[in-house]
PDB file of all heavy atoms in Angstrom:
ATOM      1  N   GLU A   1    -140.506 154.701  94.999  1.00  0.00           N
ATOM      2  CA  GLU A   1    -141.234 154.733  93.732  1.00  0.00           C
ATOM      3  C   GLU A   1    -141.475 156.165  93.260  1.00  0.00           C
ATOM      4  O   GLU A   1    -141.353 156.475  92.080  1.00  0.00           O
ATOM      5  CB  GLU A   1    -142.572 153.987  93.876  1.00  0.00           C
ATOM      6  CG  GLU A   1    -142.432 152.493  93.963  1.00  0.00           C
ATOM      7  CD  GLU A   1    -141.687 151.910  92.771  1.00  0.00           C
ATOM      8  OE1 GLU A   1    -141.913 152.387  91.634  1.00  0.00           O
ATOM      9  OE2 GLU A   1    -140.879 150.994  92.974  1.00  0.00           O
ATOM     10  N   GLU A   2    -141.807 157.020  94.243  1.00  0.00           N
ATOM     11  CA  GLU A   2    -142.035 158.427  93.902  1.00  0.00           C
ATOM     12  C   GLU A   2    -140.753 159.087  93.386  1.00  0.00           C
ATOM     13  O   GLU A   2    -140.768 159.799  92.375  1.00  0.00           O
ATOM     14  CB  GLU A   2    -142.535 159.166  95.142  1.00  0.00           C
ATOM     15  CG  GLU A   2    -142.811 160.645  94.897  1.00  0.00           C
ATOM     16  CD  GLU A   2    -143.216 161.358  96.171  1.00  0.00           C
ATOM     17  OE1 GLU A   2    -143.604 160.682  97.147  1.00  0.00           O
ATOM     18  OE2 GLU A   2    -143.149 162.607  96.173  1.00  0.00           O
ATOM     19  N   GLN A   3    -139.664 158.815  94.092  1.00  0.00           N
ATOM     20  CA  GLN A   3    -138.380 159.378  93.688  1.00  0.00           C
ATOM     21  C   GLN A   3    -137.913 158.805  92.352  1.00  0.00           C
ATOM     22  O   GLN A   3    -137.381 159.525  91.493  1.00  0.00           O
ATOM     23  CB  GLN A   3    -137.326 159.105  94.775  1.00  0.00           C
ATOM     24  CG  GLN A   3    -135.964 159.721  94.514  1.00  0.00           C
ATOM     25  CD  GLN A   3    -135.969 161.229  94.594  1.00  0.00           C
ATOM     26  OE1 GLN A   3    -136.878 161.821  95.193  1.00  0.00           O
ATOM     27  NE2 GLN A   3    -134.998 161.872  93.959  1.00  0.00           N
ATOM     28  N   LEU A   4    -138.133 157.494  92.165  1.00  0.00           N
ATOM     29  CA  LEU A   4    -137.725 156.829  90.929  1.00  0.00           C
ATOM     30  C   LEU A   4    -138.486 157.383  89.733  1.00  0.00           C
ATOM     31  O   LEU A   4    -137.905 157.619  88.659  1.00  0.00           O
ATOM     32  CB  LEU A   4    -137.959 155.315  91.047  1.00  0.00           C
ATOM     33  CG  LEU A   4    -137.517 154.464  89.845  1.00  0.00           C
ATOM     34  CD1 LEU A   4    -136.038 154.665  89.543  1.00  0.00           C
ATOM     35  CD2 LEU A   4    -137.811 152.987  90.114  1.00  0.00           C
ATOM     36  N   GLU A   5    -139.776 157.619  89.903  1.00  0.00           N
ATOM     37  CA  GLU A   5    -140.582 158.177  88.816  1.00  0.00           C
ATOM     38  C   GLU A   5    -140.098 159.579  88.437  1.00  0.00           C
ATOM     39  O   GLU A   5    -140.033 159.940  87.259  1.00  0.00           O
ATOM     40  CB  GLU A   5    -142.051 158.228  89.251  1.00  0.00           C
ATOM     41  CG  GLU A   5    -142.995 158.755  88.179  1.00  0.00           C
ATOM     42  CD  GLU A   5    -142.974 157.919  86.908  1.00  0.00           C
ATOM     43  OE1 GLU A   5    -142.704 156.702  86.982  1.00  0.00           O
ATOM     44  OE2 GLU A   5    -143.209 158.504  85.815  1.00  0.00           O
ATOM     45  N   LYS A   6    -139.754 160.359  89.452  1.00  0.00           N
ATOM     46  CA  LYS A   6    -139.257 161.714  89.222  1.00  0.00           C
ATOM     47  C   LYS A   6    -137.937 161.673  88.446  1.00  0.00           C
ATOM     48  O   LYS A   6    -137.733 162.437  87.481  1.00  0.00           O
ATOM     49  CB  LYS A   6    -139.052 162.426  90.554  1.00  0.00           C
ATOM     50  CG  LYS A   6    -138.498 163.849  90.436  1.00  0.00           C
ATOM     51  CD  LYS A   6    -138.437 164.497  91.806  1.00  0.00           C
ATOM     52  CE  LYS A   6    -137.839 165.899  91.728  1.00  0.00           C
ATOM     53  NZ  LYS A   6    -136.433 165.882  91.311  1.00  0.00           N
ATOM     54  N   GLU A   7    -137.039 160.760  88.845  1.00  0.00           N
ATOM     55  CA  GLU A   7    -135.745 160.646  88.173  1.00  0.00           C
ATOM     56  C   GLU A   7    -135.903 160.136  86.744  1.00  0.00           C
ATOM     57  O   GLU A   7    -135.199 160.574  85.832  1.00  0.00           O
ATOM     58  CB  GLU A   7    -134.812 159.718  88.959  1.00  0.00           C
ATOM     59  CG  GLU A   7    -134.416 160.218  90.337  1.00  0.00           C
ATOM     60  CD  GLU A   7    -133.565 161.471  90.277  1.00  0.00           C
ATOM     61  OE1 GLU A   7    -133.062 161.825  89.185  1.00  0.00           O
ATOM     62  OE2 GLU A   7    -133.412 162.121  91.324  1.00  0.00           O
ATOM     63  N   ARG A   8    -136.831 159.199  86.551  1.00  0.00           N
ATOM     64  CA  ARG A   8    -137.073 158.686  85.198  1.00  0.00           C
ATOM     65  C   ARG A   8    -137.604 159.788  84.275  1.00  0.00           C
ATOM     66  O   ARG A   8    -137.218 159.869  83.106  1.00  0.00           O
ATOM     67  CB  ARG A   8    -138.088 157.539  85.258  1.00  0.00           C
ATOM     68  CG  ARG A   8    -137.496 156.220  85.733  1.00  0.00           C
ATOM     69  CD  ARG A   8    -138.579 155.201  85.928  1.00  0.00           C
ATOM     70  NE  ARG A   8    -138.036 153.899  86.295  1.00  0.00           N
ATOM     71  CZ  ARG A   8    -138.787 152.889  86.769  1.00  0.00           C
ATOM     72  NH1 ARG A   8    -140.103 153.052  86.918  1.00  0.00           N
ATOM     73  NH2 ARG A   8    -138.210 151.750  87.075  1.00  0.00           N
ATOM     74  N   GLN A   9    -138.490 160.623  84.808  1.00  0.00           N
ATOM     75  CA  GLN A   9    -139.043 161.719  84.014  1.00  0.00           C
ATOM     76  C   GLN A   9    -137.944 162.715  83.632  1.00  0.00           C
ATOM     77  O   GLN A   9    -137.882 163.173  82.480  1.00  0.00           O
ATOM     78  CB  GLN A   9    -140.140 162.434  84.811  1.00  0.00           C
ATOM     79  CG  GLN A   9    -140.848 163.531  84.010  1.00  0.00           C
ATOM     80  CD  GLN A   9    -141.996 164.141  84.784  1.00  0.00           C
ATOM     81  OE1 GLN A   9    -142.418 163.621  85.808  1.00  0.00           O
ATOM     82  NE2 GLN A   9    -142.505 165.254  84.288  1.00  0.00           N
ATOM     83  N   GLU A  10    -137.091 163.045  84.573  1.00  0.00           N
ATOM     84  CA  GLU A  10    -135.990 163.971  84.296  1.00  0.00           C
ATOM     85  C   GLU A  10    -135.011 163.386  83.283  1.00  0.00           C
ATOM     86  O   GLU A  10    -134.490 164.095  82.418  1.00  0.00           O
ATOM     87  CB  GLU A  10    -135.271 164.327  85.599  1.00  0.00           C
ATOM     88  CG  GLU A  10    -136.114 165.186  86.535  1.00  0.00           C
ATOM     89  CD  GLU A  10    -135.405 165.474  87.846  1.00  0.00           C
ATOM     90  OE1 GLU A  10    -134.351 164.839  88.092  1.00  0.00           O
ATOM     91  OE2 GLU A  10    -135.901 166.311  88.629  1.00  0.00           O
ATOM     92  N   ALA A  11    -134.771 162.054  83.414  1.00  0.00           N
ATOM     93  CA  ALA A  11    -133.875 161.391  82.465  1.00  0.00           C
ATOM     94  C   ALA A  11    -134.478 161.379  81.068  1.00  0.00           C
ATOM     95  O   ALA A  11    -133.768 161.553  80.064  1.00  0.00           O
ATOM     96  CB  ALA A  11    -133.588 159.960  82.931  1.00  0.00           C
ATOM     97  N   GLN A  12    -135.804 161.175  80.991  1.00  0.00           N
ATOM     98  CA  GLN A  12    -136.481 161.159  79.696  1.00  0.00           C
ATOM     99  C   GLN A  12    -136.438 162.532  79.040  1.00  0.00           C
ATOM    100  O   GLN A  12    -136.199 162.649  77.823  1.00  0.00           O
ATOM    101  CB  GLN A  12    -137.939 160.709  79.876  1.00  0.00           C
ATOM    102  CG  GLN A  12    -138.727 160.579  78.587  1.00  0.00           C
ATOM    103  CD  GLN A  12    -138.159 159.527  77.642  1.00  0.00           C
ATOM    104  OE1 GLN A  12    -137.528 158.565  78.081  1.00  0.00           O
ATOM    105  NE2 GLN A  12    -138.382 159.705  76.343  1.00  0.00           N
ATOM    106  N   GLU A  13    -136.640 163.577  79.819  1.00  0.00           N
ATOM    107  CA  GLU A  13    -136.566 164.938  79.290  1.00  0.00           C
ATOM    108  C   GLU A  13    -135.162 165.244  78.780  1.00  0.00           C
ATOM    109  O   GLU A  13    -134.987 165.854  77.719  1.00  0.00           O
ATOM    110  CB  GLU A  13    -136.960 165.939  80.387  1.00  0.00           C
ATOM    111  CG  GLU A  13    -138.437 165.907  80.745  1.00  0.00           C
ATOM    112  CD  GLU A  13    -138.750 166.820  81.919  1.00  0.00           C
ATOM    113  OE1 GLU A  13    -137.807 167.428  82.468  1.00  0.00           O
ATOM    114  OE2 GLU A  13    -139.944 166.939  82.276  1.00  0.00           O
ATOM    115  N   ALA A  14    -134.168 164.815  79.544  1.00  0.00           N
ATOM    116  CA  ALA A  14    -132.780 165.033  79.139  1.00  0.00           C
ATOM    117  C   ALA A  14    -132.454 164.262  77.861  1.00  0.00           C
ATOM    118  O   ALA A  14    -131.732 164.753  76.993  1.00  0.00           O
ATOM    119  CB  ALA A  14    -131.834 164.612  80.264  1.00  0.00           C
ATOM    120  N   LEU A  15    -133.017 163.056  77.744  1.00  0.00           N
ATOM    121  CA  LEU A  15    -132.791 162.246  76.547  1.00  0.00           C
ATOM    122  C   LEU A  15    -133.407 162.903  75.325  1.00  0.00           C
ATOM    123  O   LEU A  15    -132.794 162.914  74.244  1.00  0.00           O
ATOM    124  CB  LEU A  15    -133.380 160.846  76.746  1.00  0.00           C
ATOM    125  CG  LEU A  15    -133.269 159.889  75.551  1.00  0.00           C
ATOM    126  CD1 LEU A  15    -131.812 159.650  75.191  1.00  0.00           C
ATOM    127  CD2 LEU A  15    -133.975 158.567  75.843  1.00  0.00           C
ATOM    128  N   LEU A  16    -134.608 163.442  75.479  1.00  0.00           N
ATOM    129  CA  LEU A  16    -135.267 164.118  74.361  1.00  0.00           C
ATOM    130  C   LEU A  16    -134.458 165.337  73.907  1.00  0.00           C
ATOM    131  O   LEU A  16    -134.332 165.599  72.708  1.00  0.00           O
ATOM    132  CB  LEU A  16    -136.679 164.539  74.766  1.00  0.00           C
ATOM    133  CG  LEU A  16    -137.692 163.407  74.951  1.00  0.00           C
ATOM    134  CD1 LEU A  16    -139.010 163.954  75.482  1.00  0.00           C
ATOM    135  CD2 LEU A  16    -137.924 162.667  73.634  1.00  0.00           C
ATOM    136  N   GLN A  17    -133.917 166.089  74.858  1.00  0.00           N
ATOM    137  CA  GLN A  17    -133.080 167.238  74.524  1.00  0.00           C
ATOM    138  C   GLN A  17    -131.816 166.800  73.790  1.00  0.00           C
ATOM    139  O   GLN A  17    -131.394 167.433  72.822  1.00  0.00           O
ATOM    140  CB  GLN A  17    -132.716 168.007  75.789  1.00  0.00           C
ATOM    141  CG  GLN A  17    -133.876 168.764  76.402  1.00  0.00           C
ATOM    142  CD  GLN A  17    -133.474 169.527  77.649  1.00  0.00           C
ATOM    143  OE1 GLN A  17    -132.376 169.351  78.175  1.00  0.00           O
ATOM    144  NE2 GLN A  17    -134.378 170.360  78.157  1.00  0.00           N
ATOM    145  N   LYS A  18    -131.233 165.711  74.270  1.00  0.00           N
ATOM    146  CA  LYS A  18    -130.025 165.171  73.628  1.00  0.00           C
ATOM    147  C   LYS A  18    -130.331 164.724  72.205  1.00  0.00           C
ATOM    148  O   LYS A  18    -129.570 165.013  71.269  1.00  0.00           O
ATOM    149  CB  LYS A  18    -129.485 163.994  74.433  1.00  0.00           C
ATOM    150  CG  LYS A  18    -128.379 163.209  73.730  1.00  0.00           C
ATOM    151  CD  LYS A  18    -128.031 161.966  74.505  1.00  0.00           C
ATOM    152  CE  LYS A  18    -127.107 161.044  73.715  1.00  0.00           C
ATOM    153  NZ  LYS A  18    -127.713 160.534  72.480  1.00  0.00           N
ATOM    154  N   GLU A  19    -131.447 164.016  72.010  1.00  0.00           N
ATOM    155  CA  GLU A  19    -131.809 163.528  70.681  1.00  0.00           C
ATOM    156  C   GLU A  19    -132.114 164.680  69.727  1.00  0.00           C
ATOM    157  O   GLU A  19    -131.766 164.621  68.538  1.00  0.00           O
ATOM    158  CB  GLU A  19    -133.008 162.587  70.789  1.00  0.00           C
ATOM    159  CG  GLU A  19    -132.668 161.253  71.463  1.00  0.00           C
ATOM    160  CD  GLU A  19    -133.883 160.369  71.649  1.00  0.00           C
ATOM    161  OE1 GLU A  19    -135.022 160.898  71.545  1.00  0.00           O
ATOM    162  OE2 GLU A  19    -133.711 159.162  71.901  1.00  0.00           O
ATOM    163  N   ALA A  20    -132.761 165.729  70.241  1.00  0.00           N
ATOM    164  CA  ALA A  20    -133.063 166.895  69.405  1.00  0.00           C
ATOM    165  C   ALA A  20    -131.775 167.587  68.965  1.00  0.00           C
ATOM    166  O   ALA A  20    -131.615 167.968  67.797  1.00  0.00           O
ATOM    167  CB  ALA A  20    -133.949 167.868  70.171  1.00  0.00           C
ATOM    168  N   ALA A  21    -130.844 167.743  69.904  1.00  0.00           N
ATOM    169  CA  ALA A  21    -129.555 168.367  69.584  1.00  0.00           C
ATOM    170  C   ALA A  21    -128.765 167.502  68.614  1.00  0.00           C
ATOM    171  O   ALA A  21    -128.124 168.011  67.686  1.00  0.00           O
ATOM    172  CB  ALA A  21    -128.756 168.601  70.868  1.00  0.00           C
ATOM    173  N   ASP A  22    -128.834 166.190  68.807  1.00  0.00           N
ATOM    174  CA  ASP A  22    -128.109 165.276  67.932  1.00  0.00           C
ATOM    175  C   ASP A  22    -128.682 165.311  66.518  1.00  0.00           C
ATOM    176  O   ASP A  22    -127.941 165.300  65.527  1.00  0.00           O
ATOM    177  CB  ASP A  22    -128.189 163.856  68.495  1.00  0.00           C
ATOM    178  CG  ASP A  22    -127.341 162.880  67.709  1.00  0.00           C
ATOM    179  OD1 ASP A  22    -126.126 163.141  67.548  1.00  0.00           O
ATOM    180  OD2 ASP A  22    -127.871 161.866  67.220  1.00  0.00           O
ATOM    181  N   SER A  23    -130.008 165.377  66.408  1.00  0.00           N
ATOM    182  CA  SER A  23    -130.652 165.442  65.094  1.00  0.00           C
ATOM    183  C   SER A  23    -130.263 166.722  64.366  1.00  0.00           C
ATOM    184  O   SER A  23    -129.935 166.696  63.170  1.00  0.00           O
ATOM    185  CB  SER A  23    -132.169 165.381  65.269  1.00  0.00           C
ATOM    186  OG  SER A  23    -132.820 165.542  64.029  1.00  0.00           O
ATOM    187  N   ALA A  24    -130.286 167.831  65.097  1.00  0.00           N
ATOM    188  CA  ALA A  24    -129.908 169.122  64.489  1.00  0.00           C
ATOM    189  C   ALA A  24    -128.445 169.105  64.055  1.00  0.00           C
ATOM    190  O   ALA A  24    -128.090 169.634  62.998  1.00  0.00           O
ATOM    191  CB  ALA A  24    -130.146 170.244  65.492  1.00  0.00           C
ATOM    192  N   PHE A  25    -127.616 168.475  64.870  1.00  0.00           N
ATOM    193  CA  PHE A  25    -126.187 168.398  64.550  1.00  0.00           C
ATOM    194  C   PHE A  25    -125.953 167.569  63.299  1.00  0.00           C
ATOM    195  O   PHE A  25    -125.148 167.942  62.435  1.00  0.00           O
ATOM    196  CB  PHE A  25    -125.425 167.788  65.733  1.00  0.00           C
ATOM    197  CG  PHE A  25    -123.935 167.793  65.558  1.00  0.00           C
ATOM    198  CD1 PHE A  25    -123.196 168.953  65.756  1.00  0.00           C
ATOM    199  CD2 PHE A  25    -123.266 166.634  65.183  1.00  0.00           C
ATOM    200  CE1 PHE A  25    -121.822 168.956  65.599  1.00  0.00           C
ATOM    201  CE2 PHE A  25    -121.887 166.638  65.019  1.00  0.00           C
ATOM    202  CZ  PHE A  25    -121.168 167.795  65.226  1.00  0.00           C
ATOM    203  N   GLN A  26    -126.659 166.446  63.159  1.00  0.00           N
ATOM    204  CA  GLN A  26    -126.506 165.582  61.987  1.00  0.00           C
ATOM    205  C   GLN A  26    -126.969 166.286  60.711  1.00  0.00           C
ATOM    206  O   GLN A  26    -126.338 166.155  59.660  1.00  0.00           O
ATOM    207  CB  GLN A  26    -127.288 164.277  62.185  1.00  0.00           C
ATOM    208  CG  GLN A  26    -126.785 163.406  63.317  1.00  0.00           C
ATOM    209  CD  GLN A  26    -125.323 163.039  63.167  1.00  0.00           C
ATOM    210  OE1 GLN A  26    -124.824 162.816  62.059  1.00  0.00           O
ATOM    211  NE2 GLN A  26    -124.611 162.990  64.292  1.00  0.00           N
ATOM    212  N   LYS A  27    -128.060 167.044  60.809  1.00  0.00           N
ATOM    213  CA  LYS A  27    -128.556 167.794  59.648  1.00  0.00           C
ATOM    214  C   LYS A  27    -127.554 168.868  59.238  1.00  0.00           C
ATOM    215  O   LYS A  27    -127.328 169.096  58.044  1.00  0.00           O
ATOM    216  CB  LYS A  27    -129.907 168.425  59.961  1.00  0.00           C
ATOM    217  CG  LYS A  27    -131.045 167.422  60.085  1.00  0.00           C
ATOM    218  CD  LYS A  27    -132.347 168.107  60.458  1.00  0.00           C
ATOM    219  CE  LYS A  27    -133.477 167.077  60.614  1.00  0.00           C
ATOM    220  NZ  LYS A  27    -134.742 167.729  61.040  1.00  0.00           N
ATOM    221  N   LEU A  28    -126.980 169.514  60.226  1.00  0.00           N
ATOM    222  CA  LEU A  28    -125.981 170.544  59.942  1.00  0.00           C
ATOM    223  C   LEU A  28    -124.740 169.930  59.304  1.00  0.00           C
ATOM    224  O   LEU A  28    -124.165 170.496  58.370  1.00  0.00           O
ATOM    225  CB  LEU A  28    -125.607 171.273  61.230  1.00  0.00           C
ATOM    226  CG  LEU A  28    -124.690 172.492  61.087  1.00  0.00           C
ATOM    227  CD1 LEU A  28    -125.312 173.547  60.178  1.00  0.00           C
ATOM    228  CD2 LEU A  28    -124.386 173.086  62.455  1.00  0.00           C
ATOM    229  N   GLU A  29    -124.344 168.777  59.783  1.00  0.00           N
ATOM    230  CA  GLU A  29    -123.197 168.072  59.200  1.00  0.00           C
ATOM    231  C   GLU A  29    -123.451 167.732  57.744  1.00  0.00           C
ATOM    232  O   GLU A  29    -122.552 167.840  56.908  1.00  0.00           O
ATOM    233  CB  GLU A  29    -122.918 166.781  59.997  1.00  0.00           C
ATOM    234  CG  GLU A  29    -122.251 166.987  61.337  1.00  0.00           C
ATOM    235  CD  GLU A  29    -120.745 167.154  61.207  1.00  0.00           C
ATOM    236  OE1 GLU A  29    -120.303 168.011  60.402  1.00  0.00           O
ATOM    237  OE2 GLU A  29    -120.017 166.440  61.909  1.00  0.00           O
TER     238      GLU A  29
END
């Protein structure tokens, strides 16, 4: 559970970074 929570948090942070980059890319397009 401890490891799973850590991985979920890292995945969520990575997703937020991806979404931010995707939003910036769409605006630039």
